[in-house]
Protein backbone atom coordinates (compact mmCIF):
# COMPACT_ATOMS: atom_id res chain seq x y z
CA UNK A 1 15.81 -36.61 80.03
CA UNK A 2 15.72 -36.62 83.22
CA UNK A 3 13.95 -33.63 83.78
CA UNK A 4 11.27 -35.25 81.37
CA UNK A 5 11.03 -38.58 83.57
CA UNK A 6 11.24 -36.67 87.05
CA UNK A 7 7.61 -34.55 84.86
CA UNK A 8 6.32 -37.99 84.13
CA UNK A 9 6.73 -39.47 87.48
CA UNK A 10 5.36 -36.07 89.29
CA UNK A 11 2.66 -36.20 87.06
CA UNK A 12 2.01 -39.95 87.51
CA UNK A 13 1.90 -39.87 91.45
CA UNK A 14 0.06 -36.25 91.42
CA UNK A 15 -2.80 -37.89 89.61
CA UNK A 16 -3.16 -41.22 91.32
CA UNK A 17 -3.19 -39.78 94.37
CA UNK A 18 -6.65 -37.60 92.65
CA UNK A 19 -8.07 -40.87 92.31
CA UNK A 20 -7.89 -42.52 95.31
CA UNK A 21 -9.08 -38.81 97.05
CA UNK A 22 -11.78 -38.88 94.60
CA UNK A 23 -12.39 -42.37 95.74
CA UNK A 24 -11.50 -44.49 92.47
CA UNK A 25 -14.90 -44.71 90.14
CA UNK A 26 -14.35 -45.47 86.88
CA UNK A 27 -14.17 -42.02 85.21
CA UNK A 28 -11.62 -41.15 86.94
CA UNK A 29 -9.51 -43.99 85.80
CA UNK A 30 -10.33 -42.94 82.31
CA UNK A 31 -8.74 -39.36 83.00
CA UNK A 32 -5.58 -40.95 84.56
CA UNK A 33 -4.61 -43.89 82.01
CA UNK A 34 -5.85 -40.79 78.97
CA UNK A 35 -3.33 -38.09 80.78
CA UNK A 36 -0.74 -41.24 81.26
CA UNK A 37 -0.59 -41.78 77.98
CA UNK A 38 -0.72 -38.20 76.55
CA UNK A 39 2.77 -37.25 78.99
CA UNK A 40 4.14 -40.98 77.94
CA UNK A 41 3.53 -40.30 74.23
CA UNK A 42 5.45 -36.51 75.26
CA UNK A 43 8.44 -38.69 76.70
CA UNK A 44 8.90 -41.47 73.63
CA UNK A 45 8.39 -38.09 71.82
CA UNK A 46 11.26 -36.57 73.36
CA UNK A 47 13.26 -39.32 73.19
CA UNK A 48 13.57 -40.56 69.92
CA UNK A 49 13.58 -37.32 68.63
CA UNK A 50 16.14 -36.15 70.59
CA UNK A 51 17.95 -37.64 73.42
CA UNK A 52 18.80 -40.83 71.86
CA UNK A 53 20.53 -39.53 68.90
CA UNK A 54 22.40 -38.06 71.71
CA UNK A 55 23.11 -40.63 73.75
CA UNK A 56 24.80 -41.90 70.43
CA UNK A 57 27.11 -39.19 69.83
CA UNK A 58 24.68 -38.50 66.11
CA UNK A 59 26.17 -35.52 64.70
CA UNK A 60 23.43 -33.02 65.25
CA UNK A 61 24.74 -30.10 62.92
CA UNK A 62 27.02 -29.72 60.57
CA UNK A 63 27.97 -27.36 58.08
CA UNK A 64 30.23 -27.42 54.63
CA UNK A 65 30.64 -24.65 51.75
CA UNK A 66 27.42 -25.70 49.99
CA UNK A 67 24.97 -25.85 52.84
CA UNK A 68 24.02 -26.45 57.02
CA UNK A 69 22.79 -29.40 57.71
CA UNK A 70 20.41 -30.13 60.34
CA UNK A 71 19.68 -33.78 61.39
CA UNK A 72 17.68 -33.91 64.74
CA UNK A 73 14.25 -33.66 63.84
CA UNK A 74 11.04 -32.74 65.18
CA UNK A 75 9.76 -28.73 65.66
CA UNK A 76 11.08 -26.15 67.20
CA UNK A 77 8.20 -24.07 68.71
CA UNK A 78 5.77 -22.71 65.42
CA UNK A 79 8.60 -22.95 63.17
CA UNK A 80 8.75 -26.43 60.87
CA UNK A 81 12.25 -27.90 60.54
CA UNK A 82 14.33 -27.69 57.84
CA UNK A 83 16.48 -30.77 57.19
CA UNK A 84 18.94 -28.19 54.68
CA UNK A 85 19.32 -25.21 54.21
CA UNK A 86 21.71 -23.62 51.37
CA UNK A 87 23.78 -20.19 52.10
CA UNK A 88 22.77 -18.85 48.95
CA UNK A 89 18.87 -19.10 49.81
CA UNK A 90 19.40 -17.25 53.31
CA UNK A 91 19.19 -14.13 53.81
CA UNK A 92 20.39 -13.08 57.55
CA UNK A 93 21.05 -14.85 60.69
CA UNK A 94 19.43 -14.24 64.30
CA UNK A 95 21.15 -15.10 67.27
CA UNK A 96 18.69 -15.08 70.22
CA UNK A 97 19.51 -16.38 73.88
CA UNK A 98 17.03 -18.83 75.86
CA UNK A 99 17.66 -18.45 79.73
CA UNK A 100 14.88 -20.59 80.63
CA UNK A 101 14.94 -23.58 77.96
CA UNK A 102 18.66 -23.13 78.39
CA UNK A 103 20.61 -23.22 74.51
CA UNK A 104 20.19 -20.60 72.29
CA UNK A 105 17.95 -19.96 69.33
CA UNK A 106 19.32 -19.59 65.70
CA UNK A 107 16.94 -18.47 63.29
CA UNK A 108 17.16 -17.76 59.43
CA UNK A 109 15.14 -15.71 57.46
CA UNK A 110 15.15 -17.48 53.79
CA UNK A 111 14.87 -15.68 50.24
CA UNK A 112 11.69 -16.77 50.40
CA UNK A 113 10.61 -15.30 53.22
CA UNK A 114 10.38 -18.50 55.23
CA UNK A 115 11.66 -18.57 58.33
CA UNK A 116 13.31 -21.52 60.56
CA UNK A 117 15.58 -21.85 63.54
CA UNK A 118 17.64 -24.61 65.78
CA UNK A 119 18.19 -24.63 69.28
CA UNK A 120 21.79 -25.14 70.35
CA UNK A 121 20.56 -27.07 73.24
CA UNK A 122 21.62 -30.42 71.75
CA UNK A 123 25.08 -29.37 69.89
CA UNK A 124 28.35 -29.82 71.86
CA UNK A 125 29.85 -26.85 72.46
CA UNK A 126 29.74 -22.54 73.24
CA UNK A 127 26.37 -20.90 72.01
CA UNK A 128 27.83 -18.23 70.52
CA UNK A 129 30.68 -20.07 69.61
CA UNK A 130 28.27 -22.24 67.81
CA UNK A 131 26.81 -18.72 66.14
CA UNK A 132 30.50 -17.97 65.25
CA UNK A 133 31.31 -20.53 62.94
CA UNK A 134 27.81 -20.31 61.19
CA UNK A 135 28.43 -16.53 60.28
CA UNK A 136 31.72 -17.72 58.94
CA UNK A 137 30.98 -19.86 57.02
CA UNK A 138 27.91 -17.52 55.67
CA UNK A 139 30.19 -14.72 55.22
CA UNK A 140 31.89 -16.47 53.16
CA UNK A 141 29.57 -17.06 50.41
C-alpha cells in the first residue's frame, strides 16, 4: 500500500509540474483531474480488495478436506477469480514464482478446462510451504 501511495504522490506531482510548465490552460487541468481520479480510483480499489482485509487479519485462504476457499476478491492478471474450488474438480496444480511482483502464483487447472490462480503475496507464510500444503490436501482426495 505504501508503494501505491508513493506512485500516486509521484504521479500527482509530475502531473502538477506538467500543468505549471504548460501555463495551466483549462485543457491541462482537465487532463490532470482525469488522470488523478484514475490513479485514485485504482488506489481505492486495491485498498478495498486487498489491503484492508490484510490489515484486519482476515483469513485469505482456507483449506479443508472438501475444498479450497479464497477470500480475497479481485482479478489476478487476466483470470476470473474463483471463491471456492472443490478438490474433486481440480485436475492439476502449478507453482510459478514471481520475483518482480513478490510472492508466487499457484494456478489451478479445473477438469472443465478453466484455469484460475491465487497470488501468495497476501498469504502469511513461505510460498513453497503454502504450495506444499495445498498439494497435500489435493493428494488426500
